[in-house]
Amino acid sequence: MIQTTNPEVKTHITHRLSRIEGQLRGVKKMIAEDRDCRDIVQQLIAIRAAIQSASLNFVQDVAQDCLIDLNNQSNPETQRELMADLIQMLGKFS
């Protein structure tokens, strides 16, 4: 299993997701108020970029945690499987 127990990583991603959640609520309000479509699209593009950035940062933080944790594991096969999973996840960001 790949997970992070680092409280700083959890706090950081939670705060970023809260900001993104606020942006989403703002877009819903813009739609309800019949705001200009260009403004709405611009905000949706910003939300997409924020999600992508948050996702990449989270995976990088988890990868660092796992790499540090891998040094404490004695099973090389488990290490290879975790690294393969992390590489696969990072590949999905392109």
N, C-alpha and C. Protein backbone atom coordinates (compact mmCIF):
# COMPACT_ATOMS: atom_id res chain seq x y z
N MET A 1 0.84 -1.17 0.00
CA MET A 1 0.00 0.00 0.00
C MET A 1 0.89 1.25 0.00
N ILE A 2 0.46 2.24 -0.76
CA ILE A 2 1.16 3.52 -0.79
C ILE A 2 0.30 4.52 -0.04
N GLN A 3 0.89 5.13 0.97
CA GLN A 3 0.16 6.13 1.75
C GLN A 3 1.16 7.07 2.40
N THR A 4 0.65 8.17 2.88
CA THR A 4 1.50 9.09 3.60
C THR A 4 0.98 9.23 5.03
N THR A 5 1.90 9.24 5.94
CA THR A 5 1.53 9.47 7.34
C THR A 5 2.09 10.81 7.81
N ASN A 6 2.72 11.52 6.89
CA ASN A 6 3.32 12.80 7.21
C ASN A 6 2.23 13.85 7.44
N PRO A 7 2.10 14.37 8.66
CA PRO A 7 1.04 15.34 8.94
C PRO A 7 1.18 16.64 8.14
N GLU A 8 2.40 17.03 7.81
CA GLU A 8 2.60 18.25 7.02
C GLU A 8 2.04 18.07 5.61
N VAL A 9 2.26 16.91 5.02
CA VAL A 9 1.74 16.62 3.68
C VAL A 9 0.22 16.63 3.72
N LYS A 10 -0.35 15.98 4.72
CA LYS A 10 -1.82 15.94 4.83
C LYS A 10 -2.40 17.33 5.01
N THR A 11 -1.79 18.14 5.86
CA THR A 11 -2.28 19.50 6.09
C THR A 11 -2.17 20.34 4.83
N HIS A 12 -1.05 20.24 4.14
CA HIS A 12 -0.83 21.02 2.93
C HIS A 12 -1.87 20.68 1.86
N ILE A 13 -2.07 19.39 1.60
CA ILE A 13 -3.02 19.01 0.55
C ILE A 13 -4.45 19.35 0.96
N THR A 14 -4.77 19.23 2.24
CA THR A 14 -6.11 19.57 2.71
C THR A 14 -6.39 21.05 2.50
N HIS A 15 -5.41 21.91 2.80
CA HIS A 15 -5.60 23.35 2.60
C HIS A 15 -5.77 23.68 1.12
N ARG A 16 -4.96 23.04 0.27
CA ARG A 16 -5.07 23.30 -1.16
C ARG A 16 -6.43 22.86 -1.68
N LEU A 17 -6.89 21.70 -1.24
CA LEU A 17 -8.19 21.21 -1.69
C LEU A 17 -9.33 22.11 -1.19
N SER A 18 -9.17 22.68 -0.01
CA SER A 18 -10.18 23.62 0.50
C SER A 18 -10.26 24.87 -0.38
N ARG A 19 -9.10 25.36 -0.82
CA ARG A 19 -9.10 26.52 -1.72
C ARG A 19 -9.77 26.17 -3.04
N ILE A 20 -9.49 24.98 -3.56
CA ILE A 20 -10.10 24.55 -4.82
C ILE A 20 -11.60 24.40 -4.64
N GLU A 21 -12.01 23.88 -3.50
CA GLU A 21 -13.43 23.74 -3.19
C GLU A 21 -14.11 25.11 -3.21
N GLY A 22 -13.43 26.11 -2.67
CA GLY A 22 -13.97 27.48 -2.69
C GLY A 22 -14.09 28.01 -4.11
N GLN A 23 -13.10 27.70 -4.94
CA GLN A 23 -13.17 28.11 -6.34
C GLN A 23 -14.36 27.47 -7.04
N LEU A 24 -14.60 26.20 -6.75
CA LEU A 24 -15.75 25.51 -7.36
C LEU A 24 -17.07 26.14 -6.93
N ARG A 25 -17.17 26.47 -5.65
CA ARG A 25 -18.39 27.14 -5.18
C ARG A 25 -18.56 28.48 -5.88
N GLY A 26 -17.45 29.17 -6.10
CA GLY A 26 -17.51 30.45 -6.81
C GLY A 26 -18.01 30.30 -8.23
N VAL A 27 -17.59 29.26 -8.91
CA VAL A 27 -18.04 29.02 -10.28
C VAL A 27 -19.54 28.68 -10.29
N LYS A 28 -19.97 27.88 -9.33
CA LYS A 28 -21.40 27.57 -9.25
C LYS A 28 -22.21 28.85 -9.07
N LYS A 29 -21.71 29.75 -8.25
CA LYS A 29 -22.39 31.02 -8.03
C LYS A 29 -22.39 31.86 -9.31
N MET A 30 -21.26 31.87 -10.02
CA MET A 30 -21.17 32.61 -11.28
C MET A 30 -22.21 32.11 -12.29
N ILE A 31 -22.37 30.78 -12.34
CA ILE A 31 -23.35 30.20 -13.27
C ILE A 31 -24.75 30.60 -12.86
N ALA A 32 -25.04 30.53 -11.56
CA ALA A 32 -26.37 30.90 -11.06
C ALA A 32 -26.68 32.37 -11.34
N GLU A 33 -25.65 33.20 -11.33
CA GLU A 33 -25.82 34.64 -11.57
C GLU A 33 -25.74 35.00 -13.05
N ASP A 34 -25.66 34.00 -13.91
CA ASP A 34 -25.58 34.22 -15.37
C ASP A 34 -24.42 35.12 -15.76
N ARG A 35 -23.27 34.87 -15.16
CA ARG A 35 -22.07 35.65 -15.49
C ARG A 35 -21.58 35.29 -16.89
N ASP A 36 -20.72 36.13 -17.42
CA ASP A 36 -20.16 35.94 -18.75
C ASP A 36 -19.45 34.58 -18.84
N CYS A 37 -19.72 33.87 -19.91
CA CYS A 37 -19.15 32.53 -20.10
C CYS A 37 -17.62 32.55 -20.11
N ARG A 38 -17.05 33.60 -20.64
CA ARG A 38 -15.57 33.68 -20.66
C ARG A 38 -15.00 33.70 -19.25
N ASP A 39 -15.67 34.41 -18.35
CA ASP A 39 -15.22 34.46 -16.96
C ASP A 39 -15.33 33.08 -16.31
N ILE A 40 -16.41 32.38 -16.61
CA ILE A 40 -16.61 31.05 -16.04
C ILE A 40 -15.56 30.08 -16.56
N VAL A 41 -15.34 30.11 -17.86
CA VAL A 41 -14.33 29.22 -18.45
C VAL A 41 -12.95 29.52 -17.88
N GLN A 42 -12.65 30.79 -17.71
CA GLN A 42 -11.36 31.17 -17.14
C GLN A 42 -11.20 30.58 -15.74
N GLN A 43 -12.24 30.62 -14.95
CA GLN A 43 -12.18 30.05 -13.59
C GLN A 43 -12.07 28.53 -13.64
N LEU A 44 -12.77 27.89 -14.58
CA LEU A 44 -12.66 26.43 -14.71
C LEU A 44 -11.25 26.02 -15.12
N ILE A 45 -10.62 26.81 -15.97
CA ILE A 45 -9.23 26.53 -16.36
C ILE A 45 -8.32 26.67 -15.15
N ALA A 46 -8.56 27.68 -14.33
CA ALA A 46 -7.76 27.88 -13.12
C ALA A 46 -7.95 26.71 -12.15
N ILE A 47 -9.18 26.22 -12.04
CA ILE A 47 -9.46 25.09 -11.15
C ILE A 47 -8.74 23.85 -11.65
N ARG A 48 -8.79 23.63 -12.94
CA ARG A 48 -8.10 22.46 -13.51
C ARG A 48 -6.60 22.53 -13.23
N ALA A 49 -6.01 23.69 -13.41
CA ALA A 49 -4.58 23.85 -13.14
C ALA A 49 -4.28 23.64 -11.66
N ALA A 50 -5.15 24.15 -10.80
CA ALA A 50 -4.95 23.98 -9.35
C ALA A 50 -5.03 22.51 -8.95
N ILE A 51 -5.98 21.78 -9.52
CA ILE A 51 -6.11 20.36 -9.22
C ILE A 51 -4.89 19.60 -9.71
N GLN A 52 -4.45 19.91 -10.91
CA GLN A 52 -3.27 19.23 -11.46
C GLN A 52 -2.04 19.50 -10.60
N SER A 53 -1.87 20.74 -10.20
CA SER A 53 -0.73 21.10 -9.37
C SER A 53 -0.80 20.42 -8.00
N ALA A 54 -1.97 20.43 -7.39
CA ALA A 54 -2.14 19.79 -6.08
C ALA A 54 -1.89 18.29 -6.19
N SER A 55 -2.38 17.68 -7.26
CA SER A 55 -2.18 16.24 -7.46
C SER A 55 -0.71 15.91 -7.61
N LEU A 56 -0.03 16.67 -8.43
CA LEU A 56 1.40 16.42 -8.65
C LEU A 56 2.19 16.61 -7.37
N ASN A 57 1.91 17.67 -6.65
CA ASN A 57 2.62 17.91 -5.39
C ASN A 57 2.36 16.80 -4.39
N PHE A 58 1.12 16.34 -4.32
CA PHE A 58 0.78 15.27 -3.40
C PHE A 58 1.52 13.99 -3.75
N VAL A 59 1.52 13.63 -5.03
CA VAL A 59 2.22 12.40 -5.44
C VAL A 59 3.71 12.53 -5.19
N GLN A 60 4.28 13.69 -5.43
CA GLN A 60 5.71 13.89 -5.15
C GLN A 60 5.99 13.73 -3.66
N ASP A 61 5.14 14.31 -2.82
CA ASP A 61 5.33 14.18 -1.37
C ASP A 61 5.20 12.73 -0.92
N VAL A 62 4.22 12.03 -1.46
CA VAL A 62 4.03 10.62 -1.11
C VAL A 62 5.23 9.81 -1.59
N ALA A 63 5.71 10.12 -2.79
CA ALA A 63 6.88 9.41 -3.32
C ALA A 63 8.09 9.61 -2.42
N GLN A 64 8.29 10.83 -1.96
CA GLN A 64 9.42 11.08 -1.05
C GLN A 64 9.26 10.30 0.24
N ASP A 65 8.05 10.30 0.80
CA ASP A 65 7.79 9.53 2.02
C ASP A 65 8.08 8.05 1.79
N CYS A 66 7.60 7.53 0.67
CA CYS A 66 7.79 6.11 0.38
C CYS A 66 9.27 5.78 0.17
N LEU A 67 9.97 6.67 -0.51
CA LEU A 67 11.40 6.42 -0.74
C LEU A 67 12.16 6.40 0.58
N ILE A 68 11.80 7.30 1.46
CA ILE A 68 12.44 7.30 2.78
C ILE A 68 12.08 6.02 3.52
N ASP A 69 10.83 5.63 3.45
CA ASP A 69 10.37 4.42 4.12
C ASP A 69 10.98 3.17 3.49
N LEU A 70 11.23 3.20 2.19
CA LEU A 70 11.82 2.04 1.52
C LEU A 70 13.18 1.69 2.10
N ASN A 71 13.90 2.69 2.58
CA ASN A 71 15.21 2.43 3.16
C ASN A 71 15.10 1.54 4.40
N ASN A 72 13.95 1.53 5.04
CA ASN A 72 13.76 0.74 6.25
C ASN A 72 13.20 -0.65 5.97
N GLN A 73 12.87 -0.93 4.71
CA GLN A 73 12.30 -2.23 4.39
C GLN A 73 13.39 -3.21 3.98
N SER A 74 13.20 -4.44 4.35
CA SER A 74 14.21 -5.45 4.05
C SER A 74 13.85 -6.28 2.82
N ASN A 75 12.64 -6.14 2.30
CA ASN A 75 12.21 -6.95 1.17
C ASN A 75 12.40 -6.18 -0.14
N PRO A 76 13.38 -6.57 -0.96
CA PRO A 76 13.63 -5.85 -2.22
C PRO A 76 12.46 -5.94 -3.20
N GLU A 77 11.71 -7.03 -3.17
CA GLU A 77 10.57 -7.16 -4.08
C GLU A 77 9.48 -6.15 -3.74
N THR A 78 9.24 -5.95 -2.46
CA THR A 78 8.28 -4.93 -2.03
C THR A 78 8.74 -3.55 -2.48
N GLN A 79 10.02 -3.28 -2.36
CA GLN A 79 10.57 -2.00 -2.80
C GLN A 79 10.33 -1.80 -4.29
N ARG A 80 10.61 -2.83 -5.09
CA ARG A 80 10.41 -2.72 -6.54
C ARG A 80 8.93 -2.48 -6.88
N GLU A 81 8.02 -3.17 -6.20
CA GLU A 81 6.60 -2.99 -6.46
C GLU A 81 6.14 -1.57 -6.12
N LEU A 82 6.58 -1.05 -4.99
CA LEU A 82 6.22 0.32 -4.61
C LEU A 82 6.77 1.33 -5.60
N MET A 83 8.00 1.15 -6.01
CA MET A 83 8.61 2.07 -6.98
C MET A 83 7.86 2.00 -8.31
N ALA A 84 7.49 0.80 -8.74
CA ALA A 84 6.74 0.66 -9.99
C ALA A 84 5.39 1.37 -9.89
N ASP A 85 4.71 1.22 -8.76
CA ASP A 85 3.44 1.91 -8.56
C ASP A 85 3.60 3.42 -8.60
N LEU A 86 4.63 3.92 -7.94
CA LEU A 86 4.87 5.37 -7.92
C LEU A 86 5.19 5.90 -9.31
N ILE A 87 6.00 5.16 -10.05
CA ILE A 87 6.36 5.59 -11.40
C ILE A 87 5.10 5.60 -12.28
N GLN A 88 4.25 4.60 -12.14
CA GLN A 88 3.02 4.54 -12.90
C GLN A 88 2.12 5.73 -12.57
N MET A 89 1.99 6.07 -11.30
CA MET A 89 1.18 7.23 -10.91
C MET A 89 1.75 8.51 -11.49
N LEU A 90 3.05 8.69 -11.41
CA LEU A 90 3.66 9.91 -11.94
C LEU A 90 3.47 10.00 -13.45
N GLY A 91 3.46 8.87 -14.12
CA GLY A 91 3.25 8.87 -15.57
C GLY A 91 1.88 9.35 -15.99
N LYS A 92 0.91 9.27 -15.10
CA LYS A 92 -0.45 9.69 -15.43
C LYS A 92 -0.62 11.20 -15.41
N PHE A 93 0.39 11.92 -14.99
CA PHE A 93 0.27 13.39 -14.92
C PHE A 93 0.63 14.08 -16.21
N SER A 94 1.11 13.34 -17.17
CA SER A 94 1.50 13.99 -18.43
C SER A 94 0.35 14.13 -19.38
